[in-house]
């Protein structure tokens, strides 16, 4: 059976659903399927927890508008959670554990029976303690149950007409800070400002600015690294990153890789 039909069928025995909508392509497909099956008995919720970039928040609103699903935004501050702020290798667990609590509260408020997220098959190949937290709290993952990969998800989103289908993967701003270094509002702000500035200047879609104890480590797709070393780009980037609080700037010669900090600091 076509996997899109399998995904739609996943919702057959559900009466009402709350979709955790992150602003990315994965949860967008889940929201689409939920709305196609359940209509007004499906809701999407995005948590503005202060480590979500404005870009992701805007994307989640755009996705909900395209699909037509009712969209709820909940607000809380992860920086008030000491377990999260101390930033050990279970940071993502504490993040998703707190998110799960907020989702459960929202589901009860709107009398919704099932909570789902955008976890998919490829997520299991990386260190993702956040998935354990979601599963512990009873959050369901339709894409995982249907065994959908990231590439398949993008193809489906393009097929059904979602403009987000080719949007680069993203993660919370705290993921740019190595484990063991505290997460602060100041660091998050300069990371977000740095990434936004580089994207606007270069037009690159995939940009990470890692905050390595004040050193800005820039990661872009490997095919863009040579362009980044263009003097006109690099001089302006370095100047602006120093202006917003970084102490120095380096460009990662290996380029962007998902879970890059896990590769470095899990050793």
C-alpha atoms as a PDB file:
ATOM      1  CA  UNK A   1       0.000   0.000   0.000  1.00  0.00           C
ATOM      2  CA  UNK A   2       1.131   3.553  -0.711  1.00  0.00           C
ATOM      3  CA  UNK A   3       2.766   4.944   2.431  1.00  0.00           C
ATOM      4  CA  UNK A   4       0.760   8.168   2.278  1.00  0.00           C
ATOM      5  CA  UNK A   5      -2.410   6.056   2.389  1.00  0.00           C
ATOM      6  CA  UNK A   6      -0.926   4.109   5.295  1.00  0.00           C
ATOM      7  CA  UNK A   7      -0.290   7.365   7.120  1.00  0.00           C
ATOM      8  CA  UNK A   8      -3.835   8.543   6.516  1.00  0.00           C
ATOM      9  CA  UNK A   9      -5.164   5.153   7.631  1.00  0.00           C
ATOM     10  CA  UNK A  10      -3.175   5.487  10.874  1.00  0.00           C
ATOM     11  CA  UNK A  11      -5.781   8.046  11.980  1.00  0.00           C
ATOM     12  CA  UNK A  12      -8.799   5.842  11.132  1.00  0.00           C
ATOM     13  CA  UNK A  13      -9.533   4.758  14.688  1.00  0.00           C
ATOM     14  CA  UNK A  14      -8.744   8.133  16.267  1.00  0.00           C
ATOM     15  CA  UNK A  15     -11.560  10.472  17.372  1.00  0.00           C
ATOM     16  CA  UNK A  16      -9.467  13.603  17.983  1.00  0.00           C
ATOM     17  CA  UNK A  17      -5.779  14.478  17.720  1.00  0.00           C
ATOM     18  CA  UNK A  18      -3.311  17.103  18.894  1.00  0.00           C
ATOM     19  CA  UNK A  19      -0.275  17.442  16.588  1.00  0.00           C
ATOM     20  CA  UNK A  20       2.974  18.827  17.970  1.00  0.00           C
ATOM     21  CA  UNK A  21       3.907  21.135  15.082  1.00  0.00           C
ATOM     22  CA  UNK A  22       7.551  22.179  15.197  1.00  0.00           C
ATOM     23  CA  UNK A  23       7.753  24.223  12.007  1.00  0.00           C
ATOM     24  CA  UNK A  24       9.560  21.499  10.091  1.00  0.00           C
ATOM     25  CA  UNK A  25       8.612  19.197   7.247  1.00  0.00           C
ATOM     26  CA  UNK A  26       8.038  16.065   9.367  1.00  0.00           C
ATOM     27  CA  UNK A  27       5.355  17.355  11.711  1.00  0.00           C
ATOM     28  CA  UNK A  28       3.842  19.260   8.771  1.00  0.00           C
ATOM     29  CA  UNK A  29       3.062  15.954   7.052  1.00  0.00           C
ATOM     30  CA  UNK A  30       1.534  14.572  10.256  1.00  0.00           C
ATOM     31  CA  UNK A  31      -0.622  17.686  10.634  1.00  0.00           C
ATOM     32  CA  UNK A  32      -1.763  17.352   7.023  1.00  0.00           C
ATOM     33  CA  UNK A  33      -2.742  13.700   7.478  1.00  0.00           C
ATOM     34  CA  UNK A  34      -4.535  14.396  10.764  1.00  0.00           C
ATOM     35  CA  UNK A  35      -6.538  17.234   9.231  1.00  0.00           C
ATOM     36  CA  UNK A  36      -7.421  15.207   6.127  1.00  0.00           C
ATOM     37  CA  UNK A  37      -8.857  12.454   8.320  1.00  0.00           C
ATOM     38  CA  UNK A  38     -10.292  14.347  11.271  1.00  0.00           C
ATOM     39  CA  UNK A  39     -10.887  17.918  10.094  1.00  0.00           C
ATOM     40  CA  UNK A  40     -11.970  20.142  12.967  1.00  0.00           C
ATOM     41  CA  UNK A  41     -11.219  17.391  15.466  1.00  0.00           C
ATOM     42  CA  UNK A  42      -7.519  17.841  14.772  1.00  0.00           C
ATOM     43  CA  UNK A  43      -5.460  20.654  16.274  1.00  0.00           C
ATOM     44  CA  UNK A  44      -1.823  21.667  15.847  1.00  0.00           C
ATOM     45  CA  UNK A  45       0.158  23.140  18.721  1.00  0.00           C
ATOM     46  CA  UNK A  46       3.522  24.901  18.624  1.00  0.00           C
ATOM     47  CA  UNK A  47       5.458  25.556  21.816  1.00  0.00           C
ATOM     48  CA  UNK A  48       7.258  28.888  21.927  1.00  0.00           C
ATOM     49  CA  UNK A  49       9.647  27.844  24.686  1.00  0.00           C
ATOM     50  CA  UNK A  50      12.274  30.577  24.124  1.00  0.00           C
ATOM     51  CA  UNK A  51      14.777  28.276  22.425  1.00  0.00           C
ATOM     52  CA  UNK A  52      12.624  28.015  19.292  1.00  0.00           C
ATOM     53  CA  UNK A  53      13.840  30.414  16.614  1.00  0.00           C
ATOM     54  CA  UNK A  54      11.476  33.061  15.249  1.00  0.00           C
ATOM     55  CA  UNK A  55      11.996  31.450  11.846  1.00  0.00           C
ATOM     56  CA  UNK A  56      10.585  28.138  13.098  1.00  0.00           C
ATOM     57  CA  UNK A  57       7.645  29.852  14.792  1.00  0.00           C
ATOM     58  CA  UNK A  58       6.810  31.694  11.566  1.00  0.00           C
ATOM     59  CA  UNK A  59       7.107  28.444   9.609  1.00  0.00           C
ATOM     60  CA  UNK A  60       4.685  26.643  11.920  1.00  0.00           C
ATOM     61  CA  UNK A  61       2.086  29.392  11.403  1.00  0.00           C
ATOM     62  CA  UNK A  62       2.537  29.190   7.628  1.00  0.00           C
ATOM     63  CA  UNK A  63       2.156  25.390   7.643  1.00  0.00           C
ATOM     64  CA  UNK A  64      -1.034  25.534   9.694  1.00  0.00           C
ATOM     65  CA  UNK A  65      -2.476  28.163   7.336  1.00  0.00           C
ATOM     66  CA  UNK A  66      -1.674  26.041   4.260  1.00  0.00           C
ATOM     67  CA  UNK A  67      -3.244  22.938   5.765  1.00  0.00           C
ATOM     68  CA  UNK A  68      -6.199  24.736   7.310  1.00  0.00           C
ATOM     69  CA  UNK A  69      -5.718  23.113  10.711  1.00  0.00           C
ATOM     70  CA  UNK A  70      -6.530  25.008  13.912  1.00  0.00           C
ATOM     71  CA  UNK A  71      -3.228  26.264  15.367  1.00  0.00           C
ATOM     72  CA  UNK A  72      -2.486  26.829  19.049  1.00  0.00           C
ATOM     73  CA  UNK A  73       0.675  28.513  20.338  1.00  0.00           C
ATOM     74  CA  UNK A  74       1.652  27.852  23.937  1.00  0.00           C
ATOM     75  CA  UNK A  75       4.296  29.881  25.751  1.00  0.00           C
ATOM     76  CA  UNK A  76       6.702  28.912  28.487  1.00  0.00           C
ATOM     77  CA  UNK A  77      10.384  29.437  29.246  1.00  0.00           C
ATOM     78  CA  UNK A  78      12.778  26.493  29.171  1.00  0.00           C
ATOM     79  CA  UNK A  79      15.437  28.720  30.730  1.00  0.00           C
ATOM     80  CA  UNK A  80      13.527  28.414  34.007  1.00  0.00           C
ATOM     81  CA  UNK A  81      14.216  24.652  33.978  1.00  0.00           C
ATOM     82  CA  UNK A  82      17.598  24.077  35.641  1.00  0.00           C
ATOM     83  CA  UNK A  83      17.803  20.522  34.286  1.00  0.00           C
ATOM     84  CA  UNK A  84      17.659  21.989  30.791  1.00  0.00           C
ATOM     85  CA  UNK A  85      19.884  25.004  31.413  1.00  0.00           C
ATOM     86  CA  UNK A  86      22.803  23.030  32.846  1.00  0.00           C
ATOM     87  CA  UNK A  87      22.973  21.349  29.419  1.00  0.00           C
ATOM     88  CA  UNK A  88      24.220  17.841  30.101  1.00  0.00           C
ATOM     89  CA  UNK A  89      23.841  15.083  27.532  1.00  0.00           C
ATOM     90  CA  UNK A  90      20.220  14.574  28.601  1.00  0.00           C
ATOM     91  CA  UNK A  91      19.224  18.150  27.751  1.00  0.00           C
ATOM     92  CA  UNK A  92      16.890  16.981  24.985  1.00  0.00           C
ATOM     93  CA  UNK A  93      15.202  14.554  27.381  1.00  0.00           C
ATOM     94  CA  UNK A  94      14.405  17.356  29.823  1.00  0.00           C
ATOM     95  CA  UNK A  95      13.243  19.568  26.950  1.00  0.00           C
ATOM     96  CA  UNK A  96      10.854  16.978  25.530  1.00  0.00           C
ATOM     97  CA  UNK A  97       9.716  15.837  28.965  1.00  0.00           C
ATOM     98  CA  UNK A  98       8.611  19.381  29.781  1.00  0.00           C
ATOM     99  CA  UNK A  99       7.093  19.780  26.312  1.00  0.00           C
ATOM    100  CA  UNK A 100       5.144  16.543  26.827  1.00  0.00           C
ATOM    101  CA  UNK A 101       3.658  17.916  30.044  1.00  0.00           C
ATOM    102  CA  UNK A 102       2.515  21.064  28.223  1.00  0.00           C
ATOM    103  CA  UNK A 103       1.066  19.025  25.344  1.00  0.00           C
ATOM    104  CA  UNK A 104      -0.850  16.806  27.762  1.00  0.00           C
ATOM    105  CA  UNK A 105      -2.254  19.892  29.513  1.00  0.00           C
ATOM    106  CA  UNK A 106      -3.317  21.355  26.154  1.00  0.00           C
ATOM    107  CA  UNK A 107      -4.902  18.097  25.020  1.00  0.00           C
ATOM    108  CA  UNK A 108      -6.939  17.961  28.227  1.00  0.00           C
ATOM    109  CA  UNK A 109      -7.985  21.593  27.816  1.00  0.00           C
ATOM    110  CA  UNK A 110      -9.347  20.957  24.313  1.00  0.00           C
ATOM    111  CA  UNK A 111     -10.566  17.422  25.141  1.00  0.00           C
ATOM    112  CA  UNK A 112      -8.334  15.730  22.566  1.00  0.00           C
ATOM    113  CA  UNK A 113      -7.627  12.020  22.878  1.00  0.00           C
ATOM    114  CA  UNK A 114      -4.276  11.435  21.155  1.00  0.00           C
ATOM    115  CA  UNK A 115      -1.061  13.466  20.930  1.00  0.00           C
ATOM    116  CA  UNK A 116       1.267  12.897  17.957  1.00  0.00           C
ATOM    117  CA  UNK A 117       4.608  14.252  16.779  1.00  0.00           C
ATOM    118  CA  UNK A 118       6.872  14.170  13.717  1.00  0.00           C
ATOM    119  CA  UNK A 119       9.454  11.575  14.809  1.00  0.00           C
ATOM    120  CA  UNK A 120      10.357   9.399  11.801  1.00  0.00           C
ATOM    121  CA  UNK A 121      12.484   6.361  10.957  1.00  0.00           C
ATOM    122  CA  UNK A 122      15.736   8.259  10.313  1.00  0.00           C
ATOM    123  CA  UNK A 123      15.599   9.830  13.791  1.00  0.00           C
ATOM    124  CA  UNK A 124      16.430   6.478  15.329  1.00  0.00           C
ATOM    125  CA  UNK A 125      19.899   6.554  13.755  1.00  0.00           C
ATOM    126  CA  UNK A 126      21.124   9.423  15.960  1.00  0.00           C
ATOM    127  CA  UNK A 127      21.434  10.088  19.694  1.00  0.00           C
ATOM    128  CA  UNK A 128      17.932  11.389  20.501  1.00  0.00           C
ATOM    129  CA  UNK A 129      17.069  11.179  24.215  1.00  0.00           C
ATOM    130  CA  UNK A 130      14.126  13.482  23.484  1.00  0.00           C
ATOM    131  CA  UNK A 131      12.372  10.620  21.697  1.00  0.00           C
ATOM    132  CA  UNK A 132      12.566   8.567  24.904  1.00  0.00           C
ATOM    133  CA  UNK A 133      10.881  11.390  26.818  1.00  0.00           C
ATOM    134  CA  UNK A 134       8.059  11.670  24.280  1.00  0.00           C
ATOM    135  CA  UNK A 135       7.452   7.924  24.278  1.00  0.00           C
ATOM    136  CA  UNK A 136       7.542   7.821  28.097  1.00  0.00           C
ATOM    137  CA  UNK A 137       4.737  10.366  28.135  1.00  0.00           C
ATOM    138  CA  UNK A 138       2.589   8.509  25.621  1.00  0.00           C
ATOM    139  CA  UNK A 139       3.195  10.746  22.602  1.00  0.00           C
ATOM    140  CA  UNK A 140       2.595   8.767  19.402  1.00  0.00           C
ATOM    141  CA  UNK A 141       4.705   8.919  16.216  1.00  0.00           C
ATOM    142  CA  UNK A 142       2.707   8.018  13.080  1.00  0.00           C
ATOM    143  CA  UNK A 143       5.665   8.542  10.717  1.00  0.00           C
ATOM    144  CA  UNK A 144       7.694   6.047  12.734  1.00  0.00           C
ATOM    145  CA  UNK A 145       4.842   3.529  12.770  1.00  0.00           C
ATOM    146  CA  UNK A 146       4.559   3.775   8.975  1.00  0.00           C
ATOM    147  CA  UNK A 147       8.390   3.585   8.686  1.00  0.00           C
ATOM    148  CA  UNK A 148       8.764   6.812   6.718  1.00  0.00           C
ATOM    149  CA  UNK A 149      12.227   8.217   6.010  1.00  0.00           C
ATOM    150  CA  UNK A 150      13.104  11.900   5.668  1.00  0.00           C
ATOM    151  CA  UNK A 151      13.415  11.636   1.892  1.00  0.00           C
ATOM    152  CA  UNK A 152      10.018   9.943   1.613  1.00  0.00           C
ATOM    153  CA  UNK A 153       8.473  12.645   3.793  1.00  0.00           C
ATOM    154  CA  UNK A 154       9.823  15.389   1.530  1.00  0.00           C
ATOM    155  CA  UNK A 155       8.491  13.633  -1.580  1.00  0.00           C
ATOM    156  CA  UNK A 156       5.057  13.297   0.000  1.00  0.00           C
ATOM    157  CA  UNK A 157       4.968  16.933   1.117  1.00  0.00           C
ATOM    158  CA  UNK A 158       5.834  18.027  -2.416  1.00  0.00           C
ATOM    159  CA  UNK A 159       3.190  15.712  -3.856  1.00  0.00           C
ATOM    160  CA  UNK A 160       0.431  17.139  -1.663  1.00  0.00           C
ATOM    161  CA  UNK A 161       1.541  20.717  -2.313  1.00  0.00           C
ATOM    162  CA  UNK A 162       3.093  21.843   0.974  1.00  0.00           C
ATOM    163  CA  UNK A 163       5.592  24.625   0.268  1.00  0.00           C
ATOM    164  CA  UNK A 164       7.767  23.450   3.153  1.00  0.00           C
ATOM    165  CA  UNK A 165       8.753  20.228   1.342  1.00  0.00           C
ATOM    166  CA  UNK A 166      12.367  21.316   0.689  1.00  0.00           C
ATOM    167  CA  UNK A 167      12.955  23.338   3.849  1.00  0.00           C
ATOM    168  CA  UNK A 168      16.262  22.429   5.556  1.00  0.00           C
ATOM    169  CA  UNK A 169      16.106  20.516   8.808  1.00  0.00           C
ATOM    170  CA  UNK A 170      16.403  22.613  11.927  1.00  0.00           C
ATOM    171  CA  UNK A 171      16.569  22.150  15.675  1.00  0.00           C
ATOM    172  CA  UNK A 172      16.248  24.295  18.773  1.00  0.00           C
ATOM    173  CA  UNK A 173      18.829  27.032  19.286  1.00  0.00           C
ATOM    174  CA  UNK A 174      20.198  25.304  22.397  1.00  0.00           C
ATOM    175  CA  UNK A 175      21.517  22.507  20.165  1.00  0.00           C
ATOM    176  CA  UNK A 176      24.241  24.953  19.036  1.00  0.00           C
ATOM    177  CA  UNK A 177      25.758  24.981  22.541  1.00  0.00           C
ATOM    178  CA  UNK A 178      28.031  22.050  23.495  1.00  0.00           C
ATOM    179  CA  UNK A 179      27.028  19.844  26.403  1.00  0.00           C
ATOM    180  CA  UNK A 180      28.383  21.094  29.705  1.00  0.00           C
ATOM    181  CA  UNK A 181      28.194  24.778  28.724  1.00  0.00           C
ATOM    182  CA  UNK A 182      25.166  26.522  30.232  1.00  0.00           C
ATOM    183  CA  UNK A 183      22.313  27.667  28.042  1.00  0.00           C
ATOM    184  CA  UNK A 184      21.655  31.385  28.530  1.00  0.00           C
ATOM    185  CA  UNK A 185      19.357  33.927  26.915  1.00  0.00           C
ATOM    186  CA  UNK A 186      22.392  35.921  25.781  1.00  0.00           C
ATOM    187  CA  UNK A 187      23.945  32.959  23.968  1.00  0.00           C
ATOM    188  CA  UNK A 188      20.660  32.000  22.318  1.00  0.00           C
ATOM    189  CA  UNK A 189      20.140  35.570  21.111  1.00  0.00           C
ATOM    190  CA  UNK A 190      23.571  35.886  19.507  1.00  0.00           C
ATOM    191  CA  UNK A 191      23.260  32.448  17.895  1.00  0.00           C
ATOM    192  CA  UNK A 192      19.916  33.352  16.326  1.00  0.00           C
ATOM    193  CA  UNK A 193      21.128  36.794  15.233  1.00  0.00           C
ATOM    194  CA  UNK A 194      24.286  35.274  13.749  1.00  0.00           C
ATOM    195  CA  UNK A 195      22.460  32.622  11.738  1.00  0.00           C
ATOM    196  CA  UNK A 196      19.866  35.088  10.474  1.00  0.00           C
ATOM    197  CA  UNK A 197      22.563  37.549   9.397  1.00  0.00           C
ATOM    198  CA  UNK A 198      24.559  34.900   7.498  1.00  0.00           C
ATOM    199  CA  UNK A 199      21.437  33.620   5.722  1.00  0.00           C
ATOM    200  CA  UNK A 200      20.431  37.132   4.697  1.00  0.00           C
ATOM    201  CA  UNK A 201      23.924  38.008   3.481  1.00  0.00           C
ATOM    202  CA  UNK A 202      24.672  34.794   1.587  1.00  0.00           C
ATOM    203  CA  UNK A 203      21.289  33.351   0.678  1.00  0.00           C
ATOM    204  CA  UNK A 204      22.360  29.980   2.143  1.00  0.00           C
ATOM    205  CA  UNK A 205      19.464  27.937   3.524  1.00  0.00           C
ATOM    206  CA  UNK A 206      21.417  25.661   5.859  1.00  0.00           C
ATOM    207  CA  UNK A 207      23.458  27.590   8.429  1.00  0.00           C
ATOM    208  CA  UNK A 208      24.541  26.751  11.959  1.00  0.00           C
ATOM    209  CA  UNK A 209      26.454  29.047  14.296  1.00  0.00           C
ATOM    210  CA  UNK A 210      27.783  26.919  17.149  1.00  0.00           C
ATOM    211  CA  UNK A 211      28.678  28.864  20.307  1.00  0.00           C
ATOM    212  CA  UNK A 212      31.864  27.179  21.527  1.00  0.00           C
ATOM    213  CA  UNK A 213      32.470  29.115  24.754  1.00  0.00           C
ATOM    214  CA  UNK A 214      32.124  32.382  22.857  1.00  0.00           C
ATOM    215  CA  UNK A 215      33.794  31.222  19.633  1.00  0.00           C
ATOM    216  CA  UNK A 216      31.403  31.247  16.668  1.00  0.00           C
ATOM    217  CA  UNK A 217      31.860  28.045  14.683  1.00  0.00           C
ATOM    218  CA  UNK A 218      30.048  28.420  11.360  1.00  0.00           C
ATOM    219  CA  UNK A 219      28.699  25.364   9.567  1.00  0.00           C
ATOM    220  CA  UNK A 220      27.167  25.497   6.093  1.00  0.00           C
ATOM    221  CA  UNK A 221      26.532  22.844   3.448  1.00  0.00           C
ATOM    222  CA  UNK A 222      29.848  21.512   2.161  1.00  0.00           C
ATOM    223  CA  UNK A 223      29.211  22.819  -1.365  1.00  0.00           C
ATOM    224  CA  UNK A 224      28.891  26.357   0.055  1.00  0.00           C
ATOM    225  CA  UNK A 225      32.095  26.426   2.114  1.00  0.00           C
ATOM    226  CA  UNK A 226      34.224  27.890  -0.706  1.00  0.00           C
ATOM    227  CA  UNK A 227      31.617  30.614  -1.274  1.00  0.00           C
ATOM    228  CA  UNK A 228      31.662  31.447   2.422  1.00  0.00           C
ATOM    229  CA  UNK A 229      35.403  32.129   2.194  1.00  0.00           C
ATOM    230  CA  UNK A 230      34.755  34.891  -0.323  1.00  0.00           C
ATOM    231  CA  UNK A 231      36.447  37.932   1.241  1.00  0.00           C
ATOM    232  CA  UNK A 232      33.411  40.160   0.831  1.00  0.00           C
ATOM    233  CA  UNK A 233      31.260  37.665   2.723  1.00  0.00           C
ATOM    234  CA  UNK A 234      33.715  36.546   5.358  1.00  0.00           C
ATOM    235  CA  UNK A 235      34.970  39.986   6.426  1.00  0.00           C
ATOM    236  CA  UNK A 236      31.430  41.243   6.939  1.00  0.00           C
ATOM    237  CA  UNK A 237      30.344  38.064   8.719  1.00  0.00           C
ATOM    238  CA  UNK A 238      33.297  38.179  11.121  1.00  0.00           C
ATOM    239  CA  UNK A 239      32.764  41.868  11.861  1.00  0.00           C
ATOM    240  CA  UNK A 240      29.078  41.404  12.624  1.00  0.00           C
ATOM    241  CA  UNK A 241      29.554  38.280  14.731  1.00  0.00           C
ATOM    242  CA  UNK A 242      32.142  40.058  16.851  1.00  0.00           C
ATOM    243  CA  UNK A 243      29.766  43.000  17.230  1.00  0.00           C
ATOM    244  CA  UNK A 244      27.014  40.803  18.692  1.00  0.00           C
ATOM    245  CA  UNK A 245      29.272  39.242  21.329  1.00  0.00           C
ATOM    246  CA  UNK A 246      31.316  36.410  19.861  1.00  0.00           C
ATOM    247  CA  UNK A 247      35.031  36.483  20.720  1.00  0.00           C
ATOM    248  CA  UNK A 248      36.299  34.944  17.457  1.00  0.00           C
ATOM    249  CA  UNK A 249      35.008  33.166  14.356  1.00  0.00           C
ATOM    250  CA  UNK A 250      35.969  29.914  12.613  1.00  0.00           C
ATOM    251  CA  UNK A 251      34.470  28.091   9.639  1.00  0.00           C
ATOM    252  CA  UNK A 252      34.069  24.317   9.984  1.00  0.00           C
ATOM    253  CA  UNK A 253      35.955  22.837   6.991  1.00  0.00           C
ATOM    254  CA  UNK A 254      33.794  19.697   7.150  1.00  0.00           C
ATOM    255  CA  UNK A 255      30.542  21.598   6.671  1.00  0.00           C
ATOM    256  CA  UNK A 256      27.170  21.057   8.292  1.00  0.00           C
ATOM    257  CA  UNK A 257      26.195  17.625   9.578  1.00  0.00           C
ATOM    258  CA  UNK A 258      23.062  16.824  11.554  1.00  0.00           C
ATOM    259  CA  UNK A 259      23.942  16.003  15.149  1.00  0.00           C
ATOM    260  CA  UNK A 260      27.432  17.449  14.749  1.00  0.00           C
ATOM    261  CA  UNK A 261      27.785  18.323  18.435  1.00  0.00           C
ATOM    262  CA  UNK A 262      26.797  14.758  19.341  1.00  0.00           C
ATOM    263  CA  UNK A 263      29.654  13.494  17.178  1.00  0.00           C
ATOM    264  CA  UNK A 264      32.128  15.826  18.888  1.00  0.00           C
ATOM    265  CA  UNK A 265      31.043  15.628  22.498  1.00  0.00           C
ATOM    266  CA  UNK A 266      29.719  12.100  22.857  1.00  0.00           C
ATOM    267  CA  UNK A 267      33.281  10.776  22.701  1.00  0.00           C
END
